[in-house]
Amino acid sequence: MISVLAAACLVVLASGACGGSAKKHSTTPTSSPSVAAPTSGDPVSIKNFAFSPTPLHAHVGDKVTVKNLDPTAHTVTANDGSFDSGSVPENGTATLTLAKAGSFPYHCNIHNYMTGVIEVS
C-alpha cells in the first residue's frame, strides 16, 4: 500500500514538473497589421476656423486627408469645383483625391471667409 501511495506521489510531482514555465513568451505576428489606405502628402487640418497648411504641396494622384478639429462642420471645396469634401463634422475626416496638376484655391462653403490653396504638381 505504501508503495502505491509513493508511486502516486511521484506521478503527481512529475506531472507538475512538466507544466509550463513561468517565463512569458512573446510572439511574432505572422502577417503585417492592417492599416488604413495610404494617403500622400501632409494632411489638411481645420482648426480655429482656418485651414493649415496653406499652401499645401502635393502630387497628381495623391490622396489628402482633411481633419476637422473645430466644434462645427466645414467643407473643403475647390473654387473651380474640381473637388468637394462635403460636410466634415466636428472631429471628422474626409479624403480628397487630387486628379490634375495646378493651383487650386479652395474655401469652406459654410464659412466663405475660410480659404486655402493646394499646389498640385
Protein backbone atom coordinates (compact mmCIF):
# COMPACT_ATOMS: atom_id res chain seq x y z
CA MET A 1 0.00 0.00 0.00
CA ILE A 2 2.85 2.35 0.85
CA SER A 3 4.49 1.62 -2.49
CA VAL A 4 1.26 2.50 -4.34
CA LEU A 5 0.97 5.74 -2.38
CA ALA A 6 4.62 6.60 -3.07
CA ALA A 7 4.14 5.86 -6.78
CA ALA A 8 1.07 8.12 -6.88
CA CYS A 9 3.03 10.94 -5.24
CA LEU A 10 5.80 10.55 -7.80
CA VAL A 11 3.28 10.75 -10.66
CA VAL A 12 1.76 13.93 -9.21
CA LEU A 13 5.17 15.53 -8.72
CA ALA A 14 6.35 14.52 -12.19
CA SER A 15 3.24 15.89 -13.88
CA GLY A 16 3.69 19.22 -12.06
CA ALA A 17 7.25 19.46 -13.34
CA CYS A 18 6.04 19.04 -16.92
CA GLY A 19 3.83 22.10 -16.71
CA GLY A 20 4.61 25.38 -18.44
CA SER A 21 7.44 27.54 -17.24
CA ALA A 22 6.97 30.85 -15.51
CA LYS A 23 8.62 32.64 -18.45
CA LYS A 24 6.42 34.73 -20.67
CA HIS A 25 6.98 34.21 -24.37
CA SER A 26 6.40 36.95 -26.88
CA THR A 27 5.05 36.03 -30.27
CA THR A 28 5.93 37.47 -33.60
CA PRO A 29 2.97 38.23 -35.85
CA THR A 30 2.83 36.10 -38.97
CA SER A 31 1.38 38.92 -41.04
CA SER A 32 1.64 42.66 -41.06
CA PRO A 33 -1.01 44.57 -39.14
CA SER A 34 -3.66 46.09 -41.35
CA VAL A 35 -3.50 49.81 -41.91
CA ALA A 36 -5.80 52.37 -43.44
CA ALA A 37 -5.41 53.20 -47.11
CA PRO A 38 -2.27 55.28 -47.51
CA THR A 39 -2.51 58.98 -48.10
CA SER A 40 0.15 61.14 -49.62
CA GLY A 41 1.46 64.49 -48.59
CA ASP A 42 0.53 66.36 -45.46
CA PRO A 43 -2.97 66.31 -44.04
CA VAL A 44 -5.07 69.46 -44.10
CA SER A 45 -6.16 70.45 -40.60
CA ILE A 46 -9.11 72.69 -39.85
CA LYS A 47 -8.63 74.47 -36.54
CA ASN A 48 -9.85 77.85 -35.23
CA PHE A 49 -11.79 78.36 -38.48
CA ALA A 50 -8.62 78.18 -40.61
CA PHE A 51 -7.03 75.64 -42.98
CA SER A 52 -3.44 74.52 -42.41
CA PRO A 53 -1.05 74.25 -44.15
CA THR A 54 -1.71 76.67 -46.95
CA PRO A 55 -0.48 76.31 -49.49
CA LEU A 56 -0.34 72.53 -49.36
CA HIS A 57 2.08 70.98 -51.89
CA ALA A 58 1.05 67.61 -53.35
CA HIS A 59 1.31 65.48 -56.49
CA VAL A 60 -1.24 64.31 -59.06
CA GLY A 61 -2.99 61.22 -57.72
CA ASP A 62 -2.24 61.99 -54.07
CA LYS A 63 -4.98 61.35 -51.53
CA VAL A 64 -5.05 64.12 -48.95
CA THR A 65 -6.76 63.62 -45.60
CA VAL A 66 -8.73 66.53 -44.15
CA LYS A 67 -9.19 66.54 -40.34
CA ASN A 68 -11.72 68.91 -38.77
CA LEU A 69 -10.60 69.91 -35.26
CA ASP A 70 -13.25 72.63 -34.87
CA PRO A 71 -16.52 72.25 -32.92
CA THR A 72 -18.59 72.81 -36.08
CA ALA A 73 -18.86 71.34 -39.58
CA HIS A 74 -16.79 72.64 -42.51
CA THR A 75 -16.24 71.82 -46.18
CA VAL A 76 -13.12 71.84 -48.36
CA THR A 77 -14.42 72.95 -51.75
CA ALA A 78 -12.28 73.90 -54.75
CA ASN A 79 -13.24 77.26 -56.20
CA ASP A 80 -13.34 75.63 -59.67
CA GLY A 81 -15.44 72.70 -58.39
CA SER A 82 -12.73 70.08 -59.04
CA PHE A 83 -13.06 68.69 -55.50
CA ASP A 84 -15.50 68.99 -52.62
CA SER A 85 -15.23 67.15 -49.31
CA GLY A 86 -18.87 67.61 -48.47
CA SER A 87 -19.66 68.45 -44.86
CA VAL A 88 -16.89 67.32 -42.49
CA PRO A 89 -18.30 67.15 -38.93
CA GLU A 90 -16.51 68.00 -35.69
CA ASN A 91 -13.56 65.57 -35.27
CA GLY A 92 -14.43 64.09 -38.66
CA THR A 93 -12.18 63.36 -41.61
CA ALA A 94 -12.51 63.37 -45.37
CA THR A 95 -10.18 62.29 -48.17
CA LEU A 96 -9.57 64.30 -51.33
CA THR A 97 -8.02 62.73 -54.44
CA LEU A 98 -6.01 65.24 -56.47
CA ALA A 99 -6.65 64.32 -60.11
CA LYS A 100 -4.80 67.03 -62.03
CA ALA A 101 -1.87 69.42 -61.75
CA GLY A 102 -2.37 73.09 -60.98
CA SER A 103 -3.02 75.62 -58.28
CA PHE A 104 -6.36 75.06 -56.59
CA PRO A 105 -7.75 77.76 -54.32
CA TYR A 106 -10.45 76.35 -52.04
CA HIS A 107 -12.87 77.54 -49.38
CA CYS A 108 -15.42 76.37 -46.84
CA ASN A 109 -18.96 76.56 -48.26
CA ILE A 110 -20.33 77.12 -44.76
CA HIS A 111 -17.81 79.83 -43.76
CA ASN A 112 -16.75 81.55 -47.01
CA TYR A 113 -14.01 83.57 -45.29
CA MET A 114 -12.07 80.32 -44.72
CA THR A 115 -9.72 79.84 -47.68
CA GLY A 116 -6.65 77.85 -48.66
CA VAL A 117 -4.63 76.69 -51.67
CA ILE A 118 -3.40 73.27 -52.82
CA GLU A 119 -0.49 73.28 -55.29
CA VAL A 120 -0.52 70.03 -57.29
CA SER A 121 2.44 69.05 -59.49
